[in-house]
N, C-alpha and C. Protein backbone atom coordinates (compact mmCIF):
# COMPACT_ATOMS: atom_id res chain seq x y z
N MET A 1 -48.97 90.07 -48.96
CA MET A 1 -47.56 90.34 -48.77
C MET A 1 -47.13 89.96 -47.35
N ARG A 2 -48.01 90.27 -46.40
CA ARG A 2 -47.68 89.97 -45.01
C ARG A 2 -47.58 88.45 -44.79
N LYS A 3 -48.48 87.68 -45.40
CA LYS A 3 -48.45 86.22 -45.28
C LYS A 3 -47.16 85.66 -45.89
N LEU A 4 -46.76 86.21 -47.03
CA LEU A 4 -45.54 85.76 -47.68
C LEU A 4 -44.32 86.04 -46.80
N THR A 5 -44.26 87.22 -46.20
CA THR A 5 -43.16 87.58 -45.32
C THR A 5 -43.11 86.65 -44.12
N MET A 6 -44.26 86.38 -43.51
CA MET A 6 -44.32 85.49 -42.35
C MET A 6 -43.90 84.07 -42.74
N THR A 7 -44.34 83.62 -43.90
CA THR A 7 -44.00 82.27 -44.36
C THR A 7 -42.50 82.15 -44.62
N LEU A 8 -41.93 83.14 -45.27
CA LEU A 8 -40.48 83.12 -45.53
C LEU A 8 -39.67 83.20 -44.23
N THR A 9 -40.15 83.99 -43.27
CA THR A 9 -39.47 84.08 -41.98
C THR A 9 -39.51 82.74 -41.26
N MET A 10 -40.65 82.07 -41.27
CA MET A 10 -40.78 80.75 -40.63
C MET A 10 -39.88 79.73 -41.33
N LEU A 11 -39.84 79.77 -42.64
CA LEU A 11 -39.01 78.86 -43.40
C LEU A 11 -37.53 79.08 -43.09
N LEU A 12 -37.12 80.33 -42.99
CA LEU A 12 -35.74 80.66 -42.66
C LEU A 12 -35.38 80.17 -41.27
N CYS A 13 -36.28 80.35 -40.30
CA CYS A 13 -36.04 79.88 -38.92
C CYS A 13 -35.93 78.36 -38.88
N CYS A 14 -36.77 77.67 -39.62
CA CYS A 14 -36.72 76.20 -39.65
C CYS A 14 -35.40 75.72 -40.25
N CYS A 15 -34.94 76.37 -41.30
CA CYS A 15 -33.67 75.98 -41.93
C CYS A 15 -32.50 76.20 -40.98
N ALA A 16 -32.52 77.30 -40.24
CA ALA A 16 -31.45 77.59 -39.29
C ALA A 16 -31.45 76.57 -38.16
N ALA A 17 -32.62 76.20 -37.67
CA ALA A 17 -32.72 75.22 -36.58
C ALA A 17 -32.30 73.84 -37.07
N TYR A 18 -32.62 73.50 -38.29
CA TYR A 18 -32.27 72.19 -38.86
C TYR A 18 -30.75 72.04 -38.99
N GLY A 19 -30.04 73.10 -39.24
CA GLY A 19 -28.60 73.05 -39.45
C GLY A 19 -27.80 72.86 -38.17
N GLN A 20 -28.42 73.03 -37.00
CA GLN A 20 -27.70 72.87 -35.74
C GLN A 20 -27.75 71.41 -35.32
N SER A 21 -26.67 70.97 -34.68
CA SER A 21 -26.67 69.60 -34.17
C SER A 21 -26.17 69.60 -32.73
N VAL A 22 -26.65 68.65 -31.98
CA VAL A 22 -26.30 68.52 -30.58
C VAL A 22 -25.03 67.67 -30.46
N PRO A 23 -24.08 68.07 -29.60
CA PRO A 23 -22.91 67.23 -29.39
C PRO A 23 -23.32 65.83 -28.95
N GLN A 24 -22.58 64.83 -29.38
CA GLN A 24 -22.92 63.44 -29.09
C GLN A 24 -21.78 62.75 -28.36
N TRP A 25 -22.13 61.80 -27.50
CA TRP A 25 -21.14 60.95 -26.84
C TRP A 25 -20.98 59.68 -27.67
N VAL A 26 -19.73 59.33 -27.98
CA VAL A 26 -19.43 58.14 -28.76
C VAL A 26 -18.62 57.19 -27.89
N VAL A 27 -19.05 55.94 -27.81
CA VAL A 27 -18.35 54.95 -26.99
C VAL A 27 -16.97 54.67 -27.59
N VAL A 28 -15.93 54.87 -26.76
CA VAL A 28 -14.55 54.59 -27.15
C VAL A 28 -14.17 53.18 -26.74
N HIS A 29 -14.62 52.80 -25.54
CA HIS A 29 -14.30 51.46 -25.03
C HIS A 29 -15.30 51.08 -23.95
N SER A 30 -15.64 49.79 -23.93
CA SER A 30 -16.46 49.29 -22.83
C SER A 30 -15.93 47.93 -22.44
N LEU A 31 -16.14 47.59 -21.18
CA LEU A 31 -15.64 46.32 -20.64
C LEU A 31 -16.71 45.75 -19.73
N PHE A 32 -16.93 44.45 -19.83
CA PHE A 32 -17.89 43.76 -18.98
C PHE A 32 -17.30 42.40 -18.64
N LEU A 33 -16.81 42.25 -17.43
CA LEU A 33 -16.23 40.99 -16.97
C LEU A 33 -17.07 40.45 -15.82
N THR A 34 -17.42 39.17 -15.87
CA THR A 34 -18.22 38.58 -14.80
C THR A 34 -17.50 37.37 -14.22
N ARG A 35 -17.73 37.17 -12.92
CA ARG A 35 -17.21 36.03 -12.17
C ARG A 35 -15.71 35.83 -12.36
N GLN A 36 -14.97 36.91 -12.25
CA GLN A 36 -13.52 36.89 -12.39
C GLN A 36 -12.87 36.49 -11.06
N THR A 37 -11.85 35.64 -11.14
CA THR A 37 -11.12 35.23 -9.93
C THR A 37 -9.62 35.39 -10.11
N VAL A 38 -9.20 35.71 -11.30
CA VAL A 38 -7.76 35.84 -11.58
C VAL A 38 -7.43 37.27 -11.95
N PRO A 39 -6.17 37.66 -11.78
CA PRO A 39 -5.78 39.03 -12.16
C PRO A 39 -6.02 39.31 -13.64
N VAL A 40 -6.26 40.57 -13.94
CA VAL A 40 -6.38 41.04 -15.33
C VAL A 40 -5.09 41.79 -15.63
N PRO A 41 -4.35 41.40 -16.67
CA PRO A 41 -3.10 42.09 -16.96
C PRO A 41 -3.34 43.55 -17.35
N GLN A 42 -2.30 44.38 -17.17
CA GLN A 42 -2.44 45.78 -17.58
C GLN A 42 -2.74 45.82 -19.07
N THR A 43 -3.78 46.53 -19.41
CA THR A 43 -4.27 46.57 -20.78
C THR A 43 -4.48 48.03 -21.18
N THR A 44 -3.99 48.39 -22.36
CA THR A 44 -4.22 49.74 -22.88
C THR A 44 -5.60 49.80 -23.50
N VAL A 45 -6.40 50.76 -23.04
CA VAL A 45 -7.74 50.96 -23.56
C VAL A 45 -7.67 51.77 -24.85
N PHE A 46 -7.01 52.91 -24.79
CA PHE A 46 -6.78 53.74 -25.97
C PHE A 46 -5.71 54.76 -25.63
N THR A 47 -5.15 55.36 -26.66
CA THR A 47 -4.19 56.45 -26.50
C THR A 47 -4.82 57.69 -27.12
N ALA A 48 -4.91 58.74 -26.34
CA ALA A 48 -5.53 59.98 -26.82
C ALA A 48 -4.69 60.57 -27.96
N THR A 49 -5.32 60.80 -29.09
CA THR A 49 -4.61 61.38 -30.24
C THR A 49 -4.92 62.87 -30.41
N THR A 50 -6.04 63.29 -29.83
CA THR A 50 -6.40 64.71 -29.84
C THR A 50 -6.97 65.06 -28.47
N ALA A 51 -6.89 66.32 -28.10
CA ALA A 51 -7.46 66.75 -26.82
C ALA A 51 -8.97 66.55 -26.87
N GLY A 52 -9.51 66.06 -25.78
CA GLY A 52 -10.95 65.84 -25.75
C GLY A 52 -11.45 65.51 -24.36
N VAL A 53 -12.76 65.56 -24.22
CA VAL A 53 -13.42 65.24 -22.97
C VAL A 53 -14.02 63.85 -23.08
N TYR A 54 -13.80 63.04 -22.04
CA TYR A 54 -14.30 61.68 -22.00
C TYR A 54 -15.15 61.50 -20.75
N ARG A 55 -16.18 60.68 -20.85
CA ARG A 55 -17.06 60.38 -19.72
C ARG A 55 -16.89 58.91 -19.35
N VAL A 56 -16.67 58.65 -18.06
CA VAL A 56 -16.46 57.29 -17.57
C VAL A 56 -17.61 56.93 -16.63
N THR A 57 -18.18 55.76 -16.83
CA THR A 57 -19.20 55.20 -15.95
C THR A 57 -18.73 53.81 -15.55
N ALA A 58 -18.84 53.45 -14.27
CA ALA A 58 -18.31 52.15 -13.83
C ALA A 58 -19.21 51.48 -12.81
N TYR A 59 -19.09 50.15 -12.74
CA TYR A 59 -19.83 49.31 -11.79
C TYR A 59 -18.88 48.24 -11.27
N TRP A 60 -19.04 47.88 -9.99
CA TRP A 60 -18.18 46.88 -9.37
C TRP A 60 -18.99 46.08 -8.36
N SER A 61 -18.78 44.76 -8.32
CA SER A 61 -19.33 43.95 -7.24
C SER A 61 -18.35 42.83 -6.95
N GLU A 62 -18.29 42.43 -5.68
CA GLU A 62 -17.34 41.39 -5.27
C GLU A 62 -17.94 40.57 -4.13
N THR A 63 -17.68 39.28 -4.18
CA THR A 63 -18.13 38.38 -3.11
C THR A 63 -16.97 37.48 -2.72
N GLY A 64 -17.11 36.84 -1.58
CA GLY A 64 -16.10 35.89 -1.13
C GLY A 64 -15.55 36.25 0.22
N LYS A 65 -15.18 35.23 0.95
CA LYS A 65 -14.60 35.44 2.27
C LYS A 65 -13.23 36.08 2.09
N GLU A 66 -13.00 37.18 2.82
CA GLU A 66 -11.75 37.91 2.75
C GLU A 66 -11.41 38.36 1.33
N ALA A 67 -12.43 38.73 0.59
CA ALA A 67 -12.22 39.18 -0.78
C ALA A 67 -11.39 40.46 -0.79
N ASN A 68 -10.48 40.56 -1.75
CA ASN A 68 -9.65 41.77 -1.83
C ASN A 68 -9.18 42.05 -3.24
N GLN A 69 -10.04 41.84 -4.20
CA GLN A 69 -9.71 42.15 -5.59
C GLN A 69 -9.77 43.67 -5.79
N THR A 70 -8.97 44.16 -6.71
CA THR A 70 -8.98 45.59 -7.06
C THR A 70 -8.88 45.72 -8.57
N PHE A 71 -9.63 46.65 -9.11
CA PHE A 71 -9.59 46.96 -10.54
C PHE A 71 -9.29 48.45 -10.66
N THR A 72 -8.27 48.82 -11.43
CA THR A 72 -7.83 50.21 -11.52
C THR A 72 -7.80 50.69 -12.96
N LEU A 73 -8.45 51.81 -13.20
CA LEU A 73 -8.38 52.52 -14.48
C LEU A 73 -7.43 53.69 -14.27
N SER A 74 -6.42 53.84 -15.12
CA SER A 74 -5.41 54.89 -14.96
C SER A 74 -5.27 55.72 -16.22
N TRP A 75 -4.94 56.99 -16.04
CA TRP A 75 -4.68 57.90 -17.16
C TRP A 75 -3.83 59.06 -16.67
N THR A 76 -3.18 59.74 -17.60
CA THR A 76 -2.45 60.97 -17.30
C THR A 76 -3.32 62.11 -17.80
N ASP A 77 -3.66 63.03 -16.88
CA ASP A 77 -4.56 64.10 -17.29
C ASP A 77 -3.83 65.17 -18.09
N ILE A 78 -4.58 66.11 -18.60
CA ILE A 78 -4.07 67.11 -19.54
C ILE A 78 -2.92 67.94 -18.97
N VAL A 79 -2.83 68.05 -17.63
CA VAL A 79 -1.74 68.82 -17.03
C VAL A 79 -0.56 67.93 -16.64
N GLY A 80 -0.64 66.61 -16.95
CA GLY A 80 0.48 65.72 -16.72
C GLY A 80 0.45 64.92 -15.43
N GLU A 81 -0.64 65.02 -14.66
CA GLU A 81 -0.76 64.28 -13.40
C GLU A 81 -1.39 62.91 -13.65
N VAL A 82 -0.82 61.86 -13.05
CA VAL A 82 -1.39 60.53 -13.16
C VAL A 82 -2.63 60.46 -12.27
N GLN A 83 -3.72 59.98 -12.83
CA GLN A 83 -4.99 59.85 -12.12
C GLN A 83 -5.43 58.39 -12.15
N GLN A 84 -6.21 57.97 -11.14
CA GLN A 84 -6.69 56.60 -11.09
C GLN A 84 -8.11 56.53 -10.56
N LEU A 85 -8.84 55.56 -11.08
CA LEU A 85 -10.14 55.18 -10.54
C LEU A 85 -9.96 53.77 -10.02
N ASN A 86 -10.08 53.58 -8.70
CA ASN A 86 -9.93 52.26 -8.10
C ASN A 86 -11.29 51.71 -7.70
N LEU A 87 -11.58 50.50 -8.16
CA LEU A 87 -12.80 49.80 -7.78
C LEU A 87 -12.39 48.61 -6.94
N SER A 88 -12.90 48.52 -5.72
CA SER A 88 -12.55 47.40 -4.85
C SER A 88 -13.53 47.34 -3.70
N GLY A 89 -13.41 46.28 -2.91
CA GLY A 89 -14.23 46.13 -1.72
C GLY A 89 -15.36 45.15 -1.92
N VAL A 90 -15.74 44.51 -0.83
CA VAL A 90 -16.82 43.53 -0.87
C VAL A 90 -18.14 44.27 -1.00
N GLY A 91 -19.03 43.70 -1.76
CA GLY A 91 -20.34 44.31 -1.98
C GLY A 91 -20.42 44.88 -3.38
N GLU A 92 -21.19 45.93 -3.50
CA GLU A 92 -21.46 46.52 -4.81
C GLU A 92 -21.22 48.01 -4.76
N SER A 93 -20.68 48.54 -5.83
CA SER A 93 -20.52 49.99 -5.92
C SER A 93 -20.72 50.44 -7.35
N ARG A 94 -21.21 51.63 -7.48
CA ARG A 94 -21.40 52.25 -8.80
C ARG A 94 -20.68 53.58 -8.77
N VAL A 95 -20.05 53.91 -9.87
CA VAL A 95 -19.39 55.21 -9.99
C VAL A 95 -20.25 56.05 -10.92
N ALA A 96 -20.73 57.16 -10.38
CA ALA A 96 -21.53 58.06 -11.21
C ALA A 96 -20.66 58.56 -12.36
N PRO A 97 -21.26 58.84 -13.50
CA PRO A 97 -20.45 59.33 -14.62
C PRO A 97 -19.59 60.53 -14.21
N PHE A 98 -18.33 60.50 -14.61
CA PHE A 98 -17.44 61.62 -14.35
C PHE A 98 -16.57 61.84 -15.58
N MET A 99 -16.01 63.03 -15.69
CA MET A 99 -15.24 63.41 -16.87
C MET A 99 -13.74 63.26 -16.63
N ILE A 100 -13.04 62.88 -17.68
CA ILE A 100 -11.58 62.90 -17.68
C ILE A 100 -11.13 63.60 -18.96
N VAL A 101 -9.95 64.21 -18.90
CA VAL A 101 -9.34 64.84 -20.08
C VAL A 101 -7.91 64.33 -20.14
N PRO A 102 -7.69 63.20 -20.84
CA PRO A 102 -6.34 62.64 -20.89
C PRO A 102 -5.39 63.47 -21.75
N LYS A 103 -4.13 63.44 -21.36
CA LYS A 103 -3.09 64.16 -22.11
C LYS A 103 -2.88 63.46 -23.46
N VAL A 104 -2.78 64.26 -24.51
CA VAL A 104 -2.57 63.73 -25.85
C VAL A 104 -1.27 62.92 -25.88
N GLY A 105 -1.33 61.74 -26.50
CA GLY A 105 -0.16 60.88 -26.63
C GLY A 105 0.06 59.92 -25.47
N THR A 106 -0.82 59.98 -24.46
CA THR A 106 -0.68 59.07 -23.32
C THR A 106 -1.80 58.04 -23.33
N ALA A 107 -1.52 56.90 -22.74
CA ALA A 107 -2.47 55.79 -22.74
C ALA A 107 -3.39 55.83 -21.54
N VAL A 108 -4.62 55.39 -21.75
CA VAL A 108 -5.56 55.10 -20.68
C VAL A 108 -5.50 53.58 -20.53
N THR A 109 -5.26 53.09 -19.31
CA THR A 109 -5.07 51.65 -19.09
C THR A 109 -5.94 51.15 -17.95
N TYR A 110 -6.07 49.81 -17.87
CA TYR A 110 -6.69 49.21 -16.70
C TYR A 110 -5.90 47.97 -16.31
N VAL A 111 -6.05 47.59 -15.04
CA VAL A 111 -5.41 46.39 -14.50
C VAL A 111 -6.28 45.89 -13.35
N GLY A 112 -6.34 44.58 -13.19
CA GLY A 112 -7.08 43.98 -12.08
C GLY A 112 -6.17 43.04 -11.33
N PHE A 113 -6.20 43.09 -10.01
CA PHE A 113 -5.34 42.20 -9.24
C PHE A 113 -5.96 41.90 -7.88
N GLY A 114 -5.46 40.87 -7.25
CA GLY A 114 -5.95 40.46 -5.94
C GLY A 114 -5.66 38.99 -5.73
N THR A 115 -6.03 38.50 -4.56
CA THR A 115 -5.69 37.12 -4.22
C THR A 115 -6.89 36.25 -3.91
N SER A 116 -8.05 36.82 -3.64
CA SER A 116 -9.22 35.99 -3.33
C SER A 116 -10.48 36.73 -3.72
N GLY A 117 -11.57 36.00 -3.74
CA GLY A 117 -12.86 36.61 -4.06
C GLY A 117 -13.22 36.47 -5.53
N VAL A 118 -14.46 36.73 -5.79
CA VAL A 118 -15.00 36.70 -7.15
C VAL A 118 -15.56 38.09 -7.42
N TYR A 119 -15.18 38.68 -8.54
CA TYR A 119 -15.64 40.03 -8.82
C TYR A 119 -16.24 40.15 -10.21
N ASN A 120 -17.05 41.18 -10.35
CA ASN A 120 -17.66 41.57 -11.62
C ASN A 120 -17.32 43.04 -11.81
N VAL A 121 -16.97 43.41 -13.02
CA VAL A 121 -16.66 44.81 -13.30
C VAL A 121 -17.20 45.17 -14.67
N ALA A 122 -17.72 46.38 -14.75
CA ALA A 122 -18.21 46.90 -16.03
C ALA A 122 -17.92 48.39 -16.07
N TYR A 123 -17.49 48.87 -17.20
CA TYR A 123 -17.33 50.31 -17.36
C TYR A 123 -17.46 50.67 -18.83
N THR A 124 -17.75 51.93 -19.05
CA THR A 124 -17.85 52.48 -20.40
C THR A 124 -17.11 53.81 -20.42
N ILE A 125 -16.34 54.04 -21.48
CA ILE A 125 -15.68 55.32 -21.71
C ILE A 125 -16.24 55.88 -23.01
N GLU A 126 -16.75 57.11 -22.94
CA GLU A 126 -17.31 57.77 -24.11
C GLU A 126 -16.59 59.08 -24.35
N GLN A 127 -16.42 59.43 -25.62
CA GLN A 127 -15.80 60.71 -25.98
C GLN A 127 -16.86 61.66 -26.49
N LEU A 128 -16.77 62.92 -26.06
CA LEU A 128 -17.69 63.94 -26.53
C LEU A 128 -17.28 64.36 -27.94
N GLN A 129 -18.19 64.22 -28.87
CA GLN A 129 -17.96 64.64 -30.25
C GLN A 129 -18.67 65.97 -30.44
N SER A 130 -17.91 67.00 -30.74
CA SER A 130 -18.51 68.32 -30.90
C SER A 130 -19.25 68.41 -32.22
N SER A 131 -20.24 69.26 -32.23
CA SER A 131 -20.99 69.48 -33.47
C SER A 131 -20.19 70.42 -34.35
N SER A 132 -20.20 70.14 -35.63
CA SER A 132 -19.48 71.03 -36.55
C SER A 132 -20.27 71.26 -37.80
């Protein structure tokens, strides 16, 4: 009887653990541009349709005499404030992953501009998908 009770308890614990799932990050948009020398027009990445948490990771490098290219990711946060991530400057930079919470119904956009230099830019935006 004791073995049966222990076996059923273990089976019940395994079933409960199997039913749980870990939240996952799903890529919403990614961009990889290399050897760019011309402006990038303002482009809508996505428009938030539901409240959610997004993770942004970015990379930037630029070369050239008197280089001054800039790449900007913009969004309106959940409280209505316009926020920006600006990537610019000669050399290389990486942006550690950070979170954004865009306001529902507003667009997340990017634009690139400048007059000289050659730049490379890469970024990924992921949305946290909750377990249900």
